N, C-alpha and C. Protein backbone atom coordinates (compact mmCIF):
# COMPACT_ATOMS: atom_id res chain seq x y z
N HIS A 1 100.48 95.47 173.67
CA HIS A 1 101.33 94.23 173.57
C HIS A 1 102.52 94.22 174.28
N GLU A 2 103.09 95.32 174.53
CA GLU A 2 104.27 95.45 175.46
C GLU A 2 103.88 95.41 176.75
N ASP A 3 102.79 95.97 177.15
CA ASP A 3 102.22 95.81 178.51
C ASP A 3 102.07 94.45 179.01
N ARG A 4 101.66 93.70 178.00
CA ARG A 4 101.04 92.16 178.41
C ARG A 4 102.47 91.40 178.45
N MET A 5 103.41 91.76 177.76
CA MET A 5 104.60 90.93 177.88
C MET A 5 105.24 91.21 179.26
N ARG A 6 105.21 92.48 179.61
CA ARG A 6 105.90 93.08 181.04
C ARG A 6 105.00 92.17 182.12
N LEU A 7 103.70 92.18 182.09
CA LEU A 7 103.06 91.57 183.03
C LEU A 7 103.15 90.15 183.03
N LEU A 8 103.20 89.35 181.94
CA LEU A 8 103.64 87.93 181.81
C LEU A 8 105.09 87.68 182.54
N LEU A 9 106.06 88.35 182.10
CA LEU A 9 107.28 88.51 182.71
C LEU A 9 107.34 88.56 184.39
N ALA A 10 106.58 89.50 184.75
CA ALA A 10 106.45 89.69 186.32
C ALA A 10 105.82 88.62 186.88
N LEU A 11 104.84 87.99 186.14
CA LEU A 11 104.13 86.74 186.86
C LEU A 11 105.17 85.76 186.82
N TRP A 12 106.07 85.48 185.80
CA TRP A 12 106.97 84.41 185.89
C TRP A 12 108.04 84.74 186.90
N ILE A 13 108.64 85.82 186.88
CA ILE A 13 109.97 86.16 187.76
C ILE A 13 109.49 86.41 189.22
N GLY A 14 108.38 86.57 189.52
CA GLY A 14 107.89 86.68 190.98
C GLY A 14 108.08 85.64 191.62
N PRO A 15 107.45 84.46 191.27
CA PRO A 15 107.74 83.17 192.05
C PRO A 15 109.19 82.66 191.96
N LEU A 16 109.99 83.09 190.81
CA LEU A 16 111.26 82.68 190.77
C LEU A 16 112.21 83.23 191.85
N LEU A 17 111.72 84.57 192.35
CA LEU A 17 112.24 85.20 193.12
C LEU A 17 111.97 85.08 194.76
N THR A 18 110.94 84.70 194.78
CA THR A 18 110.16 84.56 196.02
C THR A 18 110.50 83.13 196.56
N LEU A 19 110.12 82.16 196.00
CA LEU A 19 110.31 80.71 196.34
C LEU A 19 111.53 80.41 197.10
N PRO A 20 112.58 80.90 196.46
CA PRO A 20 114.07 80.47 197.31
C PRO A 20 114.05 81.05 198.52
N LEU A 21 113.31 82.30 198.61
CA LEU A 21 113.60 82.93 200.09
C LEU A 21 112.50 82.25 200.91
N VAL A 22 111.40 81.76 200.42
CA VAL A 22 110.62 80.73 201.27
C VAL A 22 111.49 79.49 201.87
N TRP A 23 112.17 78.78 200.72
CA TRP A 23 113.02 77.52 201.06
C TRP A 23 114.08 78.08 202.18
N LEU A 24 114.79 79.18 202.02
CA LEU A 24 115.88 79.67 202.89
C LEU A 24 115.17 79.70 204.35
N TRP A 25 114.18 80.31 204.33
CA TRP A 25 113.39 80.52 205.77
C TRP A 25 112.99 79.06 206.31
N HIS A 26 112.69 78.25 205.52
CA HIS A 26 112.41 76.84 206.04
C HIS A 26 113.61 76.37 206.61
N VAL A 27 114.72 76.42 205.69
CA VAL A 27 116.11 75.93 206.25
C VAL A 27 116.46 76.57 207.58
N TRP A 28 116.41 77.74 207.63
CA TRP A 28 116.81 78.45 208.93
C TRP A 28 115.67 78.11 210.03
N HIS A 29 114.50 77.88 209.67
CA HIS A 29 113.62 77.58 210.87
C HIS A 29 113.90 76.26 211.28
N ASP A 30 114.05 75.29 210.48
CA ASP A 30 114.25 73.88 210.94
C ASP A 30 115.72 73.46 211.51
N TRP A 31 116.83 74.17 210.94
CA TRP A 31 118.15 73.79 211.21
C TRP A 31 118.93 74.96 211.85
N GLY A 32 118.23 76.07 212.06
CA GLY A 32 119.03 77.11 212.64
C GLY A 32 119.94 77.96 211.71
N THR A 33 120.71 78.86 212.18
CA THR A 33 121.75 79.62 211.51
C THR A 33 122.84 78.88 211.09
N SER A 34 123.16 77.81 211.88
CA SER A 34 124.37 77.14 211.37
C SER A 34 123.74 75.92 210.06
N GLY A 35 122.61 75.62 210.02
CA GLY A 35 122.01 74.97 208.94
C GLY A 35 122.15 75.78 207.63
N LEU A 36 121.75 77.14 207.61
CA LEU A 36 121.52 78.07 206.87
C LEU A 36 123.03 78.19 206.19
N VAL A 37 124.00 78.49 207.13
CA VAL A 37 125.48 78.63 206.60
C VAL A 37 125.89 77.55 205.95
N ALA A 38 125.44 76.23 206.48
CA ALA A 38 126.01 75.11 205.81
C ALA A 38 125.69 75.02 204.40
N LEU A 39 124.15 75.47 204.33
CA LEU A 39 123.59 75.42 202.81
C LEU A 39 124.34 76.20 201.97
N ILE A 40 124.63 77.45 202.46
CA ILE A 40 125.16 78.55 201.42
C ILE A 40 126.59 77.99 201.09
N VAL A 41 127.14 77.61 202.17
CA VAL A 41 128.66 77.01 202.13
C VAL A 41 128.69 76.04 201.00
N LEU A 42 127.86 74.94 201.17
CA LEU A 42 127.71 73.89 200.13
C LEU A 42 127.34 74.42 198.70
N ALA A 43 126.62 75.39 198.75
CA ALA A 43 126.31 75.67 197.33
C ALA A 43 127.55 76.49 196.73
N LYS A 44 128.33 77.10 197.51
CA LYS A 44 129.46 77.75 196.92
C LYS A 44 130.65 76.75 196.63
N VAL A 45 130.79 75.87 197.47
CA VAL A 45 131.68 74.64 197.09
C VAL A 45 131.30 74.11 195.90
N GLY A 46 129.99 73.87 195.64
CA GLY A 46 129.47 73.24 194.37
C GLY A 46 129.96 74.25 193.16
N ASP A 47 129.82 75.48 193.32
CA ASP A 47 129.97 76.33 192.19
C ASP A 47 131.56 76.49 192.00
N ILE A 48 132.33 76.49 192.97
CA ILE A 48 133.80 76.42 192.73
C ILE A 48 134.07 75.03 192.21
N ALA A 49 133.81 74.10 192.57
CA ALA A 49 134.21 72.86 192.11
C ALA A 49 133.78 72.59 190.49
N GLY A 50 132.47 73.00 190.17
CA GLY A 50 132.08 73.32 188.78
C GLY A 50 132.90 73.91 188.05
N TYR A 51 133.45 75.04 188.52
CA TYR A 51 134.28 76.09 187.76
C TYR A 51 135.66 75.34 187.32
N TYR A 52 136.08 74.83 188.33
CA TYR A 52 137.50 74.20 188.26
C TYR A 52 137.59 72.95 187.42
N VAL A 53 136.63 72.07 187.58
CA VAL A 53 136.34 70.94 186.78
C VAL A 53 136.15 71.37 185.29
N GLY A 54 135.16 72.34 185.06
CA GLY A 54 134.81 72.79 183.75
C GLY A 54 136.03 73.30 183.12
N SER A 55 137.01 74.15 183.72
CA SER A 55 138.02 74.79 183.17
C SER A 55 139.10 73.68 182.96
N ALA A 56 139.20 72.69 183.68
CA ALA A 56 140.33 71.60 183.47
C ALA A 56 139.94 70.69 182.36
N ILE A 57 138.58 70.13 182.43
CA ILE A 57 138.45 69.07 181.40
C ILE A 57 137.14 69.30 180.52
N GLY A 58 136.45 70.65 180.59
CA GLY A 58 135.34 70.72 180.00
C GLY A 58 135.30 71.42 178.52
N LYS A 59 134.76 70.78 177.65
CA LYS A 59 134.83 70.96 176.18
C LYS A 59 133.33 71.57 175.74
N ARG A 60 132.59 70.62 175.99
CA ARG A 60 131.17 70.81 175.33
C ARG A 60 130.34 71.85 176.28
N ARG A 61 129.58 72.75 175.65
CA ARG A 61 129.05 73.64 176.09
C ARG A 61 127.37 73.55 176.01
N PRO A 62 126.67 73.26 177.15
CA PRO A 62 125.25 72.79 176.90
C PRO A 62 124.38 73.80 176.73
N PHE A 63 124.66 75.12 177.34
CA PHE A 63 123.81 76.25 177.22
C PHE A 63 124.61 77.55 176.79
N PRO A 64 125.08 77.59 175.48
CA PRO A 64 125.84 78.82 174.90
C PRO A 64 125.28 80.12 175.06
N LYS A 65 123.92 80.16 174.94
CA LYS A 65 123.31 81.35 174.83
C LYS A 65 122.98 81.86 176.30
N ILE A 66 122.69 80.99 177.36
CA ILE A 66 122.40 81.36 178.69
C ILE A 66 123.45 81.65 179.50
N SER A 67 124.54 80.68 179.43
CA SER A 67 125.73 80.60 180.24
C SER A 67 126.83 80.07 179.33
N PRO A 68 127.46 81.03 178.52
CA PRO A 68 128.45 80.63 177.66
C PRO A 68 129.78 79.94 178.27
N GLY A 69 130.00 80.19 179.63
CA GLY A 69 131.26 79.70 180.11
C GLY A 69 131.00 78.15 180.64
N LYS A 70 129.73 77.76 180.82
CA LYS A 70 129.49 76.70 181.41
C LYS A 70 129.71 75.22 180.61
N THR A 71 130.16 74.23 181.03
CA THR A 71 130.52 73.07 180.28
C THR A 71 129.74 72.04 181.01
N VAL A 72 129.63 70.88 180.21
CA VAL A 72 128.97 69.57 180.76
C VAL A 72 129.87 69.04 181.90
N ALA A 73 131.25 69.06 181.78
CA ALA A 73 132.01 68.44 182.73
C ALA A 73 131.81 69.54 183.96
N GLY A 74 131.60 70.78 183.89
CA GLY A 74 131.53 71.66 185.08
C GLY A 74 130.32 71.45 185.71
N CYS A 75 129.00 71.18 184.98
CA CYS A 75 127.92 70.95 185.49
C CYS A 75 128.08 69.66 186.49
N TRP A 76 128.74 68.59 186.08
CA TRP A 76 128.83 67.26 186.67
C TRP A 76 129.75 67.40 187.94
N GLY A 77 130.91 68.29 187.87
CA GLY A 77 131.61 68.74 188.63
C GLY A 77 130.91 69.37 189.92
N SER A 78 130.00 70.36 189.65
CA SER A 78 129.26 71.01 190.58
C SER A 78 128.06 70.06 191.24
N PHE A 79 127.56 69.11 190.41
CA PHE A 79 126.77 68.20 190.93
C PHE A 79 127.24 67.41 191.96
N VAL A 80 128.60 66.93 191.81
CA VAL A 80 129.33 65.90 192.62
C VAL A 80 129.61 66.66 193.87
């Protein structure tokens, strides 16, 4: 039973780890290094904005077991 669970976990995690690498390769291929750097910077700006918005006005926590510090306001701040 434990071996079957490990196999199912590997089959689930494998694509989750490889698909982002394929997408990053496409960004690099289509837009070059500057496009890849811009994407990474934009992702970090979203993370930082989510942190500060969530810290300032966030109260409700939508995912307490997965990400206990994440708030709804922080999610919206990151999205915007």
